[in-house]
């Protein structure tokens, strides 16, 4: 079922819709629209006004309840900058809330130099009405959902939305598919731990990640293999006096995810792995991000 020109709508369970961006790259995220019976559960908005309004039109096209409740799987703007356009009570993890408080008056301006091709019209943060720190049960006339904290991993405030009766789980950016994941704002070692838990608990679930197509649970183990490749390879090369993230990336390669989009993110993931190996807390900002971004672009272009 087609949505707008940027997305495909996939029914992953009865009246449970994954809105899948056809590209999946930077700021090209997925959302969820779920008929709870007496309200619509929206899982993540979009990065700008135009895309979020497309999401709202999809709600009408799918004849979903007008009343809504919104869950943001984490704080990143591609999943949250359209919140203000929906008349929904919104939910985030408390750690994500703290990051939003810090970034509220800075974003999206701080991202414009890195992504001059993007349209940031109507992009802004708004504070959620509810912040959770553990499990939260959402009750509707048709079904129930469970919101759970699953971080730190991609960020320090990652939450998932589980539909146990339908065996469907929305995991935000804990899962990327065909697009290289990004650990810059979180922790590589923590992501490995989180993926191990998800693999054990949701082995028979359909998985809707934050970027890329819907998958089965085998995607979780593939990503865990990738992050182990990054962490263990970085440690080995560092101990052999290879210290620069770009130089480590050249020797390491993307391993299990070779051929996926946005391969340059490997440089950023290595930078975070180096911080993990130095016991720097998850989510601590990296130093000299512009220089690190240039190394990412250089690796992406394949120049040495």
C-alpha atoms as a PDB file:
ATOM      1  CA  UNK A   1       0.000   0.000   0.000  1.00  0.00           C
ATOM      2  CA  UNK A   2       1.497   3.335  -1.061  1.00  0.00           C
ATOM      3  CA  UNK A   3       1.591   6.373   1.201  1.00  0.00           C
ATOM      4  CA  UNK A   4       3.268   9.558  -0.011  1.00  0.00           C
ATOM      5  CA  UNK A   5       6.088   9.730  -2.561  1.00  0.00           C
ATOM      6  CA  UNK A   6       8.673   9.197   0.178  1.00  0.00           C
ATOM      7  CA  UNK A   7       7.119   6.252   1.974  1.00  0.00           C
ATOM      8  CA  UNK A   8       5.412   2.896   1.749  1.00  0.00           C
ATOM      9  CA  UNK A   9       2.755   1.810   4.250  1.00  0.00           C
ATOM     10  CA  UNK A  10       3.146  -1.796   5.411  1.00  0.00           C
ATOM     11  CA  UNK A  11       0.450  -3.459   7.517  1.00  0.00           C
ATOM     12  CA  UNK A  12       2.516  -5.549   9.943  1.00  0.00           C
ATOM     13  CA  UNK A  13      -0.501  -6.629  11.996  1.00  0.00           C
ATOM     14  CA  UNK A  14      -4.245  -5.970  11.926  1.00  0.00           C
ATOM     15  CA  UNK A  15      -4.515  -2.163  11.681  1.00  0.00           C
ATOM     16  CA  UNK A  16      -0.857  -1.842  12.748  1.00  0.00           C
ATOM     17  CA  UNK A  17       0.929   0.187  10.081  1.00  0.00           C
ATOM     18  CA  UNK A  18       4.627   0.762   9.566  1.00  0.00           C
ATOM     19  CA  UNK A  19       5.297   3.914   7.540  1.00  0.00           C
ATOM     20  CA  UNK A  20       8.588   3.046   5.840  1.00  0.00           C
ATOM     21  CA  UNK A  21      10.744   5.679   4.199  1.00  0.00           C
ATOM     22  CA  UNK A  22      11.872   4.414   0.807  1.00  0.00           C
ATOM     23  CA  UNK A  23      15.417   5.781   1.225  1.00  0.00           C
ATOM     24  CA  UNK A  24      16.172   5.353   4.947  1.00  0.00           C
ATOM     25  CA  UNK A  25      19.218   7.637   5.006  1.00  0.00           C
ATOM     26  CA  UNK A  26      19.925  10.752   7.060  1.00  0.00           C
ATOM     27  CA  UNK A  27      16.660  12.166   8.455  1.00  0.00           C
ATOM     28  CA  UNK A  28      14.666   9.644   6.384  1.00  0.00           C
ATOM     29  CA  UNK A  29      13.027   7.739   9.226  1.00  0.00           C
ATOM     30  CA  UNK A  30      10.118   5.362   9.704  1.00  0.00           C
ATOM     31  CA  UNK A  31       6.984   5.986  11.766  1.00  0.00           C
ATOM     32  CA  UNK A  32       4.147   3.839  13.089  1.00  0.00           C
ATOM     33  CA  UNK A  33       0.365   4.318  13.049  1.00  0.00           C
ATOM     34  CA  UNK A  34      -1.660   1.901  15.174  1.00  0.00           C
ATOM     35  CA  UNK A  35      -5.413   1.650  15.655  1.00  0.00           C
ATOM     36  CA  UNK A  36      -5.791   1.155  19.393  1.00  0.00           C
ATOM     37  CA  UNK A  37      -9.594   1.239  19.103  1.00  0.00           C
ATOM     38  CA  UNK A  38     -10.570   4.569  20.599  1.00  0.00           C
ATOM     39  CA  UNK A  39      -7.380   6.394  19.650  1.00  0.00           C
ATOM     40  CA  UNK A  40      -4.426   6.182  17.252  1.00  0.00           C
ATOM     41  CA  UNK A  41      -0.993   5.432  18.635  1.00  0.00           C
ATOM     42  CA  UNK A  42       1.618   7.351  16.642  1.00  0.00           C
ATOM     43  CA  UNK A  43       5.162   6.058  16.954  1.00  0.00           C
ATOM     44  CA  UNK A  44       7.623   8.823  15.980  1.00  0.00           C
ATOM     45  CA  UNK A  45       6.869  11.807  13.785  1.00  0.00           C
ATOM     46  CA  UNK A  46       9.083  13.174  10.984  1.00  0.00           C
ATOM     47  CA  UNK A  47      11.856  15.738  10.759  1.00  0.00           C
ATOM     48  CA  UNK A  48       9.961  18.563   9.056  1.00  0.00           C
ATOM     49  CA  UNK A  49       6.481  19.973   8.581  1.00  0.00           C
ATOM     50  CA  UNK A  50       5.819  18.581   5.109  1.00  0.00           C
ATOM     51  CA  UNK A  51       6.601  14.985   6.021  1.00  0.00           C
ATOM     52  CA  UNK A  52       4.685  15.147   9.292  1.00  0.00           C
ATOM     53  CA  UNK A  53       1.643  16.515   7.471  1.00  0.00           C
ATOM     54  CA  UNK A  54       1.953  13.581   5.055  1.00  0.00           C
ATOM     55  CA  UNK A  55       1.818  11.326   8.106  1.00  0.00           C
ATOM     56  CA  UNK A  56      -1.320  13.090   9.320  1.00  0.00           C
ATOM     57  CA  UNK A  57      -2.954  12.647   5.905  1.00  0.00           C
ATOM     58  CA  UNK A  58      -2.146   8.949   6.074  1.00  0.00           C
ATOM     59  CA  UNK A  59      -4.032   8.739   9.370  1.00  0.00           C
ATOM     60  CA  UNK A  60      -7.105  10.103   7.579  1.00  0.00           C
ATOM     61  CA  UNK A  61      -6.636   7.864   4.540  1.00  0.00           C
ATOM     62  CA  UNK A  62      -6.384   4.787   6.757  1.00  0.00           C
ATOM     63  CA  UNK A  63      -9.500   5.932   8.657  1.00  0.00           C
ATOM     64  CA  UNK A  64      -7.707   5.841  11.976  1.00  0.00           C
ATOM     65  CA  UNK A  65      -9.226   7.458  15.075  1.00  0.00           C
ATOM     66  CA  UNK A  66      -8.705  11.227  15.198  1.00  0.00           C
ATOM     67  CA  UNK A  67      -7.767  11.162  18.878  1.00  0.00           C
ATOM     68  CA  UNK A  68      -4.113  10.183  19.257  1.00  0.00           C
ATOM     69  CA  UNK A  69      -1.248   9.403  21.599  1.00  0.00           C
ATOM     70  CA  UNK A  70       2.398   9.809  20.535  1.00  0.00           C
ATOM     71  CA  UNK A  71       5.477   7.838  21.569  1.00  0.00           C
ATOM     72  CA  UNK A  72       8.942   9.043  20.588  1.00  0.00           C
ATOM     73  CA  UNK A  73      11.418   6.162  20.566  1.00  0.00           C
ATOM     74  CA  UNK A  74      14.290   8.598  21.248  1.00  0.00           C
ATOM     75  CA  UNK A  75      15.171  12.282  21.049  1.00  0.00           C
ATOM     76  CA  UNK A  76      16.611  12.602  17.528  1.00  0.00           C
ATOM     77  CA  UNK A  77      14.956  15.294  15.447  1.00  0.00           C
ATOM     78  CA  UNK A  78      14.007  13.076  12.522  1.00  0.00           C
ATOM     79  CA  UNK A  79      11.743  11.186  14.926  1.00  0.00           C
ATOM     80  CA  UNK A  80      10.485  14.161  16.939  1.00  0.00           C
ATOM     81  CA  UNK A  81      10.631  17.554  15.213  1.00  0.00           C
ATOM     82  CA  UNK A  82       7.082  17.182  13.886  1.00  0.00           C
ATOM     83  CA  UNK A  83       5.504  16.518  17.295  1.00  0.00           C
ATOM     84  CA  UNK A  84       4.062  20.027  17.596  1.00  0.00           C
ATOM     85  CA  UNK A  85       1.850  19.521  14.539  1.00  0.00           C
ATOM     86  CA  UNK A  86      -0.125  16.682  16.117  1.00  0.00           C
ATOM     87  CA  UNK A  87      -2.667  17.343  18.829  1.00  0.00           C
ATOM     88  CA  UNK A  88      -1.360  14.402  20.807  1.00  0.00           C
ATOM     89  CA  UNK A  89      -0.134  13.813  24.304  1.00  0.00           C
ATOM     90  CA  UNK A  90       3.473  12.693  23.810  1.00  0.00           C
ATOM     91  CA  UNK A  91       5.733  10.275  25.672  1.00  0.00           C
ATOM     92  CA  UNK A  92       9.534  10.027  25.820  1.00  0.00           C
ATOM     93  CA  UNK A  93      12.019   8.389  28.110  1.00  0.00           C
ATOM     94  CA  UNK A  94      13.200  10.752  30.843  1.00  0.00           C
ATOM     95  CA  UNK A  95      16.777  10.633  29.492  1.00  0.00           C
ATOM     96  CA  UNK A  96      15.521  11.730  26.074  1.00  0.00           C
ATOM     97  CA  UNK A  97      13.590  14.535  27.755  1.00  0.00           C
ATOM     98  CA  UNK A  98      16.765  15.853  29.358  1.00  0.00           C
ATOM     99  CA  UNK A  99      18.523  15.915  25.988  1.00  0.00           C
ATOM    100  CA  UNK A 100      15.564  17.715  24.384  1.00  0.00           C
ATOM    101  CA  UNK A 101      15.670  20.343  27.141  1.00  0.00           C
ATOM    102  CA  UNK A 102      19.312  20.975  26.253  1.00  0.00           C
ATOM    103  CA  UNK A 103      18.797  21.006  22.466  1.00  0.00           C
ATOM    104  CA  UNK A 104      15.409  22.723  22.363  1.00  0.00           C
ATOM    105  CA  UNK A 105      16.739  26.169  21.451  1.00  0.00           C
ATOM    106  CA  UNK A 106      19.655  24.910  19.326  1.00  0.00           C
ATOM    107  CA  UNK A 107      18.089  22.452  16.909  1.00  0.00           C
ATOM    108  CA  UNK A 108      17.697  22.282  13.979  1.00  0.00           C
ATOM    109  CA  UNK A 109      20.103  25.182  13.342  1.00  0.00           C
ATOM    110  CA  UNK A 110      23.136  23.201  14.528  1.00  0.00           C
ATOM    111  CA  UNK A 111      22.436  20.570  11.839  1.00  0.00           C
ATOM    112  CA  UNK A 112      21.947  22.906   8.871  1.00  0.00           C
ATOM    113  CA  UNK A 113      25.674  23.239   8.017  1.00  0.00           C
ATOM    114  CA  UNK A 114      25.964  19.439   7.788  1.00  0.00           C
ATOM    115  CA  UNK A 115      22.778  18.941   5.758  1.00  0.00           C
ATOM    116  CA  UNK A 116      22.269  22.018   3.535  1.00  0.00           C
ATOM    117  CA  UNK A 117      20.134  19.996   1.123  1.00  0.00           C
ATOM    118  CA  UNK A 118      17.383  19.323   3.682  1.00  0.00           C
ATOM    119  CA  UNK A 119      14.201  21.322   4.227  1.00  0.00           C
ATOM    120  CA  UNK A 120      13.945  22.217   7.918  1.00  0.00           C
ATOM    121  CA  UNK A 121      10.706  24.188   7.554  1.00  0.00           C
ATOM    122  CA  UNK A 122       8.605  23.698  10.689  1.00  0.00           C
ATOM    123  CA  UNK A 123      11.284  21.600  12.389  1.00  0.00           C
ATOM    124  CA  UNK A 124      11.451  22.164  16.130  1.00  0.00           C
ATOM    125  CA  UNK A 125      11.514  20.386  19.456  1.00  0.00           C
ATOM    126  CA  UNK A 126       8.602  20.435  21.874  1.00  0.00           C
ATOM    127  CA  UNK A 127       8.686  18.986  25.355  1.00  0.00           C
ATOM    128  CA  UNK A 128       6.649  15.821  25.958  1.00  0.00           C
ATOM    129  CA  UNK A 129       3.798  15.750  28.453  1.00  0.00           C
ATOM    130  CA  UNK A 130       4.903  12.394  29.870  1.00  0.00           C
ATOM    131  CA  UNK A 131       8.384  11.067  30.644  1.00  0.00           C
ATOM    132  CA  UNK A 132       8.790   7.388  31.503  1.00  0.00           C
ATOM    133  CA  UNK A 133      11.650   5.589  33.207  1.00  0.00           C
ATOM    134  CA  UNK A 134      10.500   1.962  33.037  1.00  0.00           C
ATOM    135  CA  UNK A 135       7.554   0.056  31.583  1.00  0.00           C
ATOM    136  CA  UNK A 136       4.390   1.833  30.556  1.00  0.00           C
ATOM    137  CA  UNK A 137       1.207   0.006  29.538  1.00  0.00           C
ATOM    138  CA  UNK A 138      -1.014   1.618  26.913  1.00  0.00           C
ATOM    139  CA  UNK A 139      -4.592   0.357  26.898  1.00  0.00           C
ATOM    140  CA  UNK A 140      -6.986   0.689  23.975  1.00  0.00           C
ATOM    141  CA  UNK A 141     -10.346  -0.748  23.014  1.00  0.00           C
ATOM    142  CA  UNK A 142      -8.748  -3.043  20.424  1.00  0.00           C
ATOM    143  CA  UNK A 143      -5.338  -3.852  21.848  1.00  0.00           C
ATOM    144  CA  UNK A 144      -2.634  -3.130  24.375  1.00  0.00           C
ATOM    145  CA  UNK A 145       0.935  -1.952  23.912  1.00  0.00           C
ATOM    146  CA  UNK A 146       3.919  -1.975  26.241  1.00  0.00           C
ATOM    147  CA  UNK A 147       6.485   0.813  26.194  1.00  0.00           C
ATOM    148  CA  UNK A 148       9.885  -0.274  27.557  1.00  0.00           C
ATOM    149  CA  UNK A 149      13.255   1.335  28.109  1.00  0.00           C
ATOM    150  CA  UNK A 150      15.920  -0.470  26.083  1.00  0.00           C
ATOM    151  CA  UNK A 151      19.012   1.705  26.351  1.00  0.00           C
ATOM    152  CA  UNK A 152      21.529   3.048  26.505  1.00  0.00           C
ATOM    153  CA  UNK A 153      22.337   2.000  22.952  1.00  0.00           C
ATOM    154  CA  UNK A 154      21.661   4.243  19.937  1.00  0.00           C
ATOM    155  CA  UNK A 155      21.068   7.022  22.480  1.00  0.00           C
ATOM    156  CA  UNK A 156      20.726   7.198  26.254  1.00  0.00           C
ATOM    157  CA  UNK A 157      16.924   7.301  25.980  1.00  0.00           C
ATOM    158  CA  UNK A 158      15.868   4.480  23.642  1.00  0.00           C
ATOM    159  CA  UNK A 159      12.409   3.010  24.161  1.00  0.00           C
ATOM    160  CA  UNK A 160      10.556   0.304  22.257  1.00  0.00           C
ATOM    161  CA  UNK A 161       6.845  -0.307  21.710  1.00  0.00           C
ATOM    162  CA  UNK A 162       5.728  -3.923  21.929  1.00  0.00           C
ATOM    163  CA  UNK A 163       2.440  -5.439  20.764  1.00  0.00           C
ATOM    164  CA  UNK A 164       2.603  -8.857  22.454  1.00  0.00           C
ATOM    165  CA  UNK A 165      -0.640 -10.271  21.078  1.00  0.00           C
ATOM    166  CA  UNK A 166       0.309  -9.496  17.489  1.00  0.00           C
ATOM    167  CA  UNK A 167       4.043 -10.313  17.836  1.00  0.00           C
ATOM    168  CA  UNK A 168       5.101  -6.927  16.477  1.00  0.00           C
ATOM    169  CA  UNK A 169       7.693  -4.588  17.919  1.00  0.00           C
ATOM    170  CA  UNK A 170       8.658  -1.027  16.974  1.00  0.00           C
ATOM    171  CA  UNK A 171      12.228  -0.448  18.103  1.00  0.00           C
ATOM    172  CA  UNK A 172      13.125   2.961  16.671  1.00  0.00           C
ATOM    173  CA  UNK A 173      16.799   3.314  15.818  1.00  0.00           C
ATOM    174  CA  UNK A 174      17.861   0.290  17.804  1.00  0.00           C
ATOM    175  CA  UNK A 175      17.465  -1.412  14.417  1.00  0.00           C
ATOM    176  CA  UNK A 176      18.569  -0.159  11.009  1.00  0.00           C
ATOM    177  CA  UNK A 177      18.041  -2.306   7.904  1.00  0.00           C
ATOM    178  CA  UNK A 178      20.102  -1.825   4.718  1.00  0.00           C
ATOM    179  CA  UNK A 179      21.321   1.473   6.230  1.00  0.00           C
ATOM    180  CA  UNK A 180      24.434   1.566   8.437  1.00  0.00           C
ATOM    181  CA  UNK A 181      23.465   2.237  12.079  1.00  0.00           C
ATOM    182  CA  UNK A 182      24.838   5.162  14.069  1.00  0.00           C
ATOM    183  CA  UNK A 183      26.100   4.981  17.655  1.00  0.00           C
ATOM    184  CA  UNK A 184      27.498   8.514  17.920  1.00  0.00           C
ATOM    185  CA  UNK A 185      25.013   9.662  20.596  1.00  0.00           C
ATOM    186  CA  UNK A 186      24.965   6.420  22.539  1.00  0.00           C
ATOM    187  CA  UNK A 187      27.307   3.518  23.168  1.00  0.00           C
ATOM    188  CA  UNK A 188      28.564   0.627  21.046  1.00  0.00           C
ATOM    189  CA  UNK A 189      29.030  -1.728  23.999  1.00  0.00           C
ATOM    190  CA  UNK A 190      25.582  -0.860  25.368  1.00  0.00           C
ATOM    191  CA  UNK A 191      24.011  -1.455  21.968  1.00  0.00           C
ATOM    192  CA  UNK A 192      25.529  -4.943  21.875  1.00  0.00           C
ATOM    193  CA  UNK A 193      23.977  -5.701  25.269  1.00  0.00           C
ATOM    194  CA  UNK A 194      20.600  -4.315  24.238  1.00  0.00           C
ATOM    195  CA  UNK A 195      20.539  -6.309  20.989  1.00  0.00           C
ATOM    196  CA  UNK A 196      21.329  -9.509  22.876  1.00  0.00           C
ATOM    197  CA  UNK A 197      18.279  -8.932  25.095  1.00  0.00           C
ATOM    198  CA  UNK A 198      16.042  -8.099  22.133  1.00  0.00           C
ATOM    199  CA  UNK A 199      17.196 -11.193  20.259  1.00  0.00           C
ATOM    200  CA  UNK A 200      16.290 -13.389  23.208  1.00  0.00           C
ATOM    201  CA  UNK A 201      12.935 -11.786  24.015  1.00  0.00           C
ATOM    202  CA  UNK A 202      11.575 -11.171  20.495  1.00  0.00           C
ATOM    203  CA  UNK A 203      12.862 -14.069  18.416  1.00  0.00           C
ATOM    204  CA  UNK A 204       9.462 -14.616  16.776  1.00  0.00           C
ATOM    205  CA  UNK A 205       8.431 -10.969  16.282  1.00  0.00           C
ATOM    206  CA  UNK A 206       8.181  -8.736  13.234  1.00  0.00           C
ATOM    207  CA  UNK A 207      10.627  -5.885  13.740  1.00  0.00           C
ATOM    208  CA  UNK A 208      10.003  -2.310  12.628  1.00  0.00           C
ATOM    209  CA  UNK A 209      13.201  -0.331  12.943  1.00  0.00           C
ATOM    210  CA  UNK A 210      13.804   3.374  12.627  1.00  0.00           C
ATOM    211  CA  UNK A 211      15.344   3.254   9.151  1.00  0.00           C
ATOM    212  CA  UNK A 212      14.950   0.681   6.386  1.00  0.00           C
ATOM    213  CA  UNK A 213      12.465  -2.100   5.594  1.00  0.00           C
ATOM    214  CA  UNK A 214      10.465  -4.196   8.054  1.00  0.00           C
ATOM    215  CA  UNK A 215      12.415  -7.310   9.059  1.00  0.00           C
ATOM    216  CA  UNK A 216      12.207 -10.491  11.065  1.00  0.00           C
ATOM    217  CA  UNK A 217      14.217 -10.932  14.237  1.00  0.00           C
ATOM    218  CA  UNK A 218      17.313 -12.147  12.391  1.00  0.00           C
ATOM    219  CA  UNK A 219      18.156  -8.478  11.753  1.00  0.00           C
ATOM    220  CA  UNK A 220      18.808  -8.059  15.483  1.00  0.00           C
ATOM    221  CA  UNK A 221      21.539 -10.679  15.558  1.00  0.00           C
ATOM    222  CA  UNK A 222      23.092  -9.304  12.354  1.00  0.00           C
ATOM    223  CA  UNK A 223      23.415  -5.864  13.930  1.00  0.00           C
ATOM    224  CA  UNK A 224      24.827  -7.371  17.108  1.00  0.00           C
ATOM    225  CA  UNK A 225      27.451  -9.123  14.975  1.00  0.00           C
ATOM    226  CA  UNK A 226      28.297  -5.783  13.333  1.00  0.00           C
ATOM    227  CA  UNK A 227      28.762  -3.912  16.590  1.00  0.00           C
ATOM    228  CA  UNK A 228      30.908  -6.690  18.020  1.00  0.00           C
ATOM    229  CA  UNK A 229      32.994  -6.413  14.839  1.00  0.00           C
ATOM    230  CA  UNK A 230      33.335  -2.658  15.442  1.00  0.00           C
ATOM    231  CA  UNK A 231      34.134  -2.861  19.164  1.00  0.00           C
ATOM    232  CA  UNK A 232      36.495  -5.829  19.044  1.00  0.00           C
ATOM    233  CA  UNK A 233      38.223  -4.626  15.867  1.00  0.00           C
ATOM    234  CA  UNK A 234      38.681  -1.133  17.255  1.00  0.00           C
ATOM    235  CA  UNK A 235      40.169  -2.508  20.466  1.00  0.00           C
ATOM    236  CA  UNK A 236      42.616  -4.729  18.595  1.00  0.00           C
ATOM    237  CA  UNK A 237      43.767  -1.962  16.224  1.00  0.00           C
ATOM    238  CA  UNK A 238      44.040   0.586  19.038  1.00  0.00           C
ATOM    239  CA  UNK A 239      46.264  -1.803  20.968  1.00  0.00           C
ATOM    240  CA  UNK A 240      48.399  -2.013  17.811  1.00  0.00           C
ATOM    241  CA  UNK A 241      48.815   1.778  17.796  1.00  0.00           C
ATOM    242  CA  UNK A 242      46.189   2.599  15.168  1.00  0.00           C
ATOM    243  CA  UNK A 243      44.415   5.453  16.939  1.00  0.00           C
ATOM    244  CA  UNK A 244      42.582   7.610  14.382  1.00  0.00           C
ATOM    245  CA  UNK A 245      38.940   6.555  13.679  1.00  0.00           C
ATOM    246  CA  UNK A 246      39.460   6.998   9.934  1.00  0.00           C
ATOM    247  CA  UNK A 247      42.595   4.839   9.874  1.00  0.00           C
ATOM    248  CA  UNK A 248      40.824   2.182  11.944  1.00  0.00           C
ATOM    249  CA  UNK A 249      37.866   2.264   9.529  1.00  0.00           C
ATOM    250  CA  UNK A 250      40.122   1.689   6.513  1.00  0.00           C
ATOM    251  CA  UNK A 251      41.545  -1.446   8.102  1.00  0.00           C
ATOM    252  CA  UNK A 252      38.311  -2.666   9.708  1.00  0.00           C
ATOM    253  CA  UNK A 253      35.673  -2.082   6.970  1.00  0.00           C
ATOM    254  CA  UNK A 254      31.943  -2.490   7.648  1.00  0.00           C
ATOM    255  CA  UNK A 255      32.275  -6.267   7.881  1.00  0.00           C
ATOM    256  CA  UNK A 256      28.826  -7.906   8.179  1.00  0.00           C
ATOM    257  CA  UNK A 257      27.109  -4.782   6.817  1.00  0.00           C
ATOM    258  CA  UNK A 258      29.384  -4.195   3.824  1.00  0.00           C
ATOM    259  CA  UNK A 259      27.310  -2.746   0.977  1.00  0.00           C
ATOM    260  CA  UNK A 260      24.748  -0.992   3.188  1.00  0.00           C
ATOM    261  CA  UNK A 261      24.005   2.715   2.706  1.00  0.00           C
ATOM    262  CA  UNK A 262      25.839   5.432   4.663  1.00  0.00           C
ATOM    263  CA  UNK A 263      28.979   3.329   5.104  1.00  0.00           C
ATOM    264  CA  UNK A 264      30.895   6.373   6.345  1.00  0.00           C
ATOM    265  CA  UNK A 265      29.082   6.109   9.667  1.00  0.00           C
ATOM    266  CA  UNK A 266      31.614   3.425  10.518  1.00  0.00           C
ATOM    267  CA  UNK A 267      34.046   6.247  11.356  1.00  0.00           C
ATOM    268  CA  UNK A 268      31.577   7.724  13.849  1.00  0.00           C
ATOM    269  CA  UNK A 269      30.843   4.316  15.369  1.00  0.00           C
ATOM    270  CA  UNK A 270      34.576   3.729  15.844  1.00  0.00           C
ATOM    271  CA  UNK A 271      34.886   7.113  17.565  1.00  0.00           C
ATOM    272  CA  UNK A 272      32.169   6.057  20.011  1.00  0.00           C
ATOM    273  CA  UNK A 273      33.783   2.625  20.464  1.00  0.00           C
ATOM    274  CA  UNK A 274      37.046   4.347  21.416  1.00  0.00           C
ATOM    275  CA  UNK A 275      35.125   6.330  24.037  1.00  0.00           C
ATOM    276  CA  UNK A 276      33.528   3.121  25.361  1.00  0.00           C
ATOM    277  CA  UNK A 277      36.946   1.518  25.642  1.00  0.00           C
ATOM    278  CA  UNK A 278      38.077   4.539  27.688  1.00  0.00           C
ATOM    279  CA  UNK A 279      35.034   4.164  29.983  1.00  0.00           C
ATOM    280  CA  UNK A 280      33.581   7.520  28.925  1.00  0.00           C
ATOM    281  CA  UNK A 281      29.849   7.517  29.829  1.00  0.00           C
ATOM    282  CA  UNK A 282      27.310   6.802  27.056  1.00  0.00           C
ATOM    283  CA  UNK A 283      26.037   9.873  25.284  1.00  0.00           C
ATOM    284  CA  UNK A 284      28.998  12.087  26.187  1.00  0.00           C
ATOM    285  CA  UNK A 285      29.519  14.419  23.187  1.00  0.00           C
ATOM    286  CA  UNK A 286      32.400  13.523  20.899  1.00  0.00           C
ATOM    287  CA  UNK A 287      35.211  16.027  20.525  1.00  0.00           C
ATOM    288  CA  UNK A 288      35.607  18.068  17.318  1.00  0.00           C
ATOM    289  CA  UNK A 289      32.553  16.739  15.500  1.00  0.00           C
ATOM    290  CA  UNK A 290      33.151  18.787  12.299  1.00  0.00           C
ATOM    291  CA  UNK A 291      36.573  17.186  11.815  1.00  0.00           C
ATOM    292  CA  UNK A 292      35.124  13.742  12.527  1.00  0.00           C
ATOM    293  CA  UNK A 293      32.328  14.389  10.021  1.00  0.00           C
ATOM    294  CA  UNK A 294      34.903  15.220   7.344  1.00  0.00           C
ATOM    295  CA  UNK A 295      36.572  11.866   7.989  1.00  0.00           C
ATOM    296  CA  UNK A 296      33.165  10.195   7.643  1.00  0.00           C
ATOM    297  CA  UNK A 297      32.600  11.867   4.259  1.00  0.00           C
ATOM    298  CA  UNK A 298      36.114  10.934   3.180  1.00  0.00           C
ATOM    299  CA  UNK A 299      35.523   7.278   4.024  1.00  0.00           C
ATOM    300  CA  UNK A 300      32.119   7.411   2.311  1.00  0.00           C
ATOM    301  CA  UNK A 301      33.772   8.706  -0.856  1.00  0.00           C
ATOM    302  CA  UNK A 302      36.412   5.989  -0.718  1.00  0.00           C
ATOM    303  CA  UNK A 303      39.372   8.394  -0.813  1.00  0.00           C
ATOM    304  CA  UNK A 304      42.564   7.678   1.087  1.00  0.00           C
END
